[in-house]
């Protein structure tokens, strides 16, 4: 599970896009896995290809990791007021899948939660 979480986080970090609004926070998130994995999310690096959404309540984006005709869907949601993060990772499914297969893969995938805080020093 540690390796899968590491792959997911790395995949999310590599899908960044520099065209987003540069006024969004940089967050340090600690997950509730057994290793207390810590990840930094620069919210300025997520763009339209990540199916990015933001409203008064939360930041949310979805990414896909594709390999050999299969894909894994990753959905990240961060509550803006509390910093609660939920990282949902689907089971592997064929790239071309019906909505029923996608929903089943997400509901039977892995869910990891944690807490995020804004980084004050943004010179990373």
Protein backbone atom coordinates (compact mmCIF):
# COMPACT_ATOMS: atom_id res chain seq x y z
CA UNK A 1 0.00 0.00 0.00
CA UNK A 2 2.93 2.35 0.72
CA UNK A 3 4.28 1.82 -2.79
CA UNK A 4 0.87 2.44 -4.37
CA UNK A 5 0.40 5.66 -2.41
CA UNK A 6 3.90 6.78 -3.44
CA UNK A 7 3.15 6.05 -7.11
CA UNK A 8 -0.15 7.92 -6.91
CA UNK A 9 1.40 10.97 -5.25
CA UNK A 10 4.28 10.99 -7.74
CA UNK A 11 1.81 10.74 -10.61
CA UNK A 12 -0.17 13.66 -9.26
CA UNK A 13 2.94 15.78 -8.87
CA UNK A 14 4.06 15.02 -12.44
CA UNK A 15 0.74 16.05 -13.99
CA UNK A 16 1.23 19.72 -13.13
CA UNK A 17 0.36 22.58 -15.44
CA UNK A 18 1.96 26.02 -15.13
CA UNK A 19 -0.90 27.87 -16.86
CA UNK A 20 -3.12 27.93 -13.75
CA UNK A 21 -3.69 30.97 -11.56
CA UNK A 22 -0.54 31.53 -9.49
CA UNK A 23 -2.42 32.83 -6.43
CA UNK A 24 -3.48 29.43 -5.12
CA UNK A 25 -1.82 28.06 -1.98
CA UNK A 26 0.93 25.50 -1.71
CA UNK A 27 -0.20 22.83 0.74
CA UNK A 28 1.74 20.33 2.82
CA UNK A 29 -0.46 17.28 3.39
CA UNK A 30 0.16 14.44 5.85
CA UNK A 31 -1.75 11.25 5.07
CA UNK A 32 -3.11 8.86 7.70
CA UNK A 33 -1.29 5.82 6.28
CA UNK A 34 1.05 3.82 8.51
CA UNK A 35 4.08 5.85 7.33
CA UNK A 36 2.35 9.25 7.70
CA UNK A 37 3.33 10.08 4.11
CA UNK A 38 3.87 13.82 3.59
CA UNK A 39 3.27 15.41 0.20
CA UNK A 40 3.43 18.99 -1.04
CA UNK A 41 0.72 20.05 -3.49
CA UNK A 42 1.32 23.28 -5.39
CA UNK A 43 -2.26 23.97 -6.46
CA UNK A 44 -0.99 26.34 -9.16
CA UNK A 45 0.31 23.36 -11.13
CA UNK A 46 -3.03 21.68 -11.80
CA UNK A 47 -4.82 22.64 -14.97
CA UNK A 48 -7.77 21.75 -17.16
CA UNK A 49 -6.30 18.38 -18.21
CA UNK A 50 -6.55 17.35 -14.56
CA UNK A 51 -10.29 18.15 -14.49
CA UNK A 52 -9.64 20.81 -11.86
CA UNK A 53 -12.51 22.28 -9.83
CA UNK A 54 -12.55 24.88 -7.10
CA UNK A 55 -15.41 26.44 -5.17
CA UNK A 56 -15.91 28.07 -1.77
CA UNK A 57 -15.86 24.67 -0.02
CA UNK A 58 -13.09 22.66 -1.66
CA UNK A 59 -10.32 22.14 -4.18
CA UNK A 60 -10.73 19.02 -6.29
CA UNK A 61 -9.05 17.45 -9.29
CA UNK A 62 -8.96 14.15 -11.11
CA UNK A 63 -6.03 12.61 -12.93
CA UNK A 64 -5.44 9.39 -14.83
CA UNK A 65 -2.33 7.22 -14.96
CA UNK A 66 -2.30 5.17 -18.17
CA UNK A 67 -0.10 2.21 -19.07
CA UNK A 68 -0.46 -0.66 -21.54
CA UNK A 69 -4.13 -0.05 -22.37
CA UNK A 70 -5.12 0.26 -18.72
CA UNK A 71 -5.67 3.25 -16.46
CA UNK A 72 -6.00 4.18 -12.81
CA UNK A 73 -8.16 7.16 -11.84
CA UNK A 74 -7.08 9.39 -8.96
CA UNK A 75 -9.48 11.86 -7.36
CA UNK A 76 -8.17 14.37 -4.80
CA UNK A 77 -10.48 16.53 -2.70
CA UNK A 78 -9.25 19.08 -0.14
CA UNK A 79 -11.71 20.91 2.11
CA UNK A 80 -10.70 24.57 2.14
CA UNK A 81 -11.80 25.38 5.69
CA UNK A 82 -10.54 22.29 7.51
CA UNK A 83 -7.66 21.10 5.31
CA UNK A 84 -9.13 17.54 5.26
CA UNK A 85 -7.80 15.68 2.20
CA UNK A 86 -9.23 12.57 0.61
CA UNK A 87 -7.25 10.74 -2.05
CA UNK A 88 -9.33 8.11 -3.87
CA UNK A 89 -7.53 5.70 -6.21
CA UNK A 90 -9.45 3.35 -8.49
CA UNK A 91 -8.61 -0.21 -9.35
CA UNK A 92 -6.93 -0.65 -12.74
CA UNK A 93 -9.46 -0.66 -15.59
CA UNK A 94 -9.27 -0.66 -19.39
CA UNK A 95 -8.71 2.81 -20.89
CA UNK A 96 -12.03 2.55 -22.72
CA UNK A 97 -14.51 1.63 -19.97
CA UNK A 98 -18.21 2.24 -19.42
CA UNK A 99 -19.34 4.55 -16.65
CA UNK A 100 -20.49 1.50 -14.65
CA UNK A 101 -16.99 0.02 -14.73
CA UNK A 102 -15.43 3.36 -13.77
CA UNK A 103 -17.82 3.83 -10.84
CA UNK A 104 -17.20 0.26 -9.65
CA UNK A 105 -13.41 0.73 -9.89
CA UNK A 106 -13.61 3.94 -7.84
CA UNK A 107 -15.93 2.50 -5.19
CA UNK A 108 -13.74 -0.60 -4.79
CA UNK A 109 -10.43 1.27 -4.93
CA UNK A 110 -8.27 2.66 -2.17
CA UNK A 111 -9.17 5.72 -0.07
CA UNK A 112 -6.55 7.58 1.96
CA UNK A 113 -7.28 10.62 4.11
CA UNK A 114 -5.17 13.19 5.87
CA UNK A 115 -4.73 16.83 6.82
CA UNK A 116 -3.25 19.73 4.82
CA UNK A 117 -1.77 23.04 5.95
CA UNK A 118 -0.65 26.03 3.91
CA UNK A 119 3.09 26.42 3.54
CA UNK A 120 4.19 29.88 4.58
CA UNK A 121 7.60 29.73 2.92
CA UNK A 122 7.03 29.10 -0.76
CA UNK A 123 10.72 29.00 -1.74
CA UNK A 124 10.81 25.25 -2.32
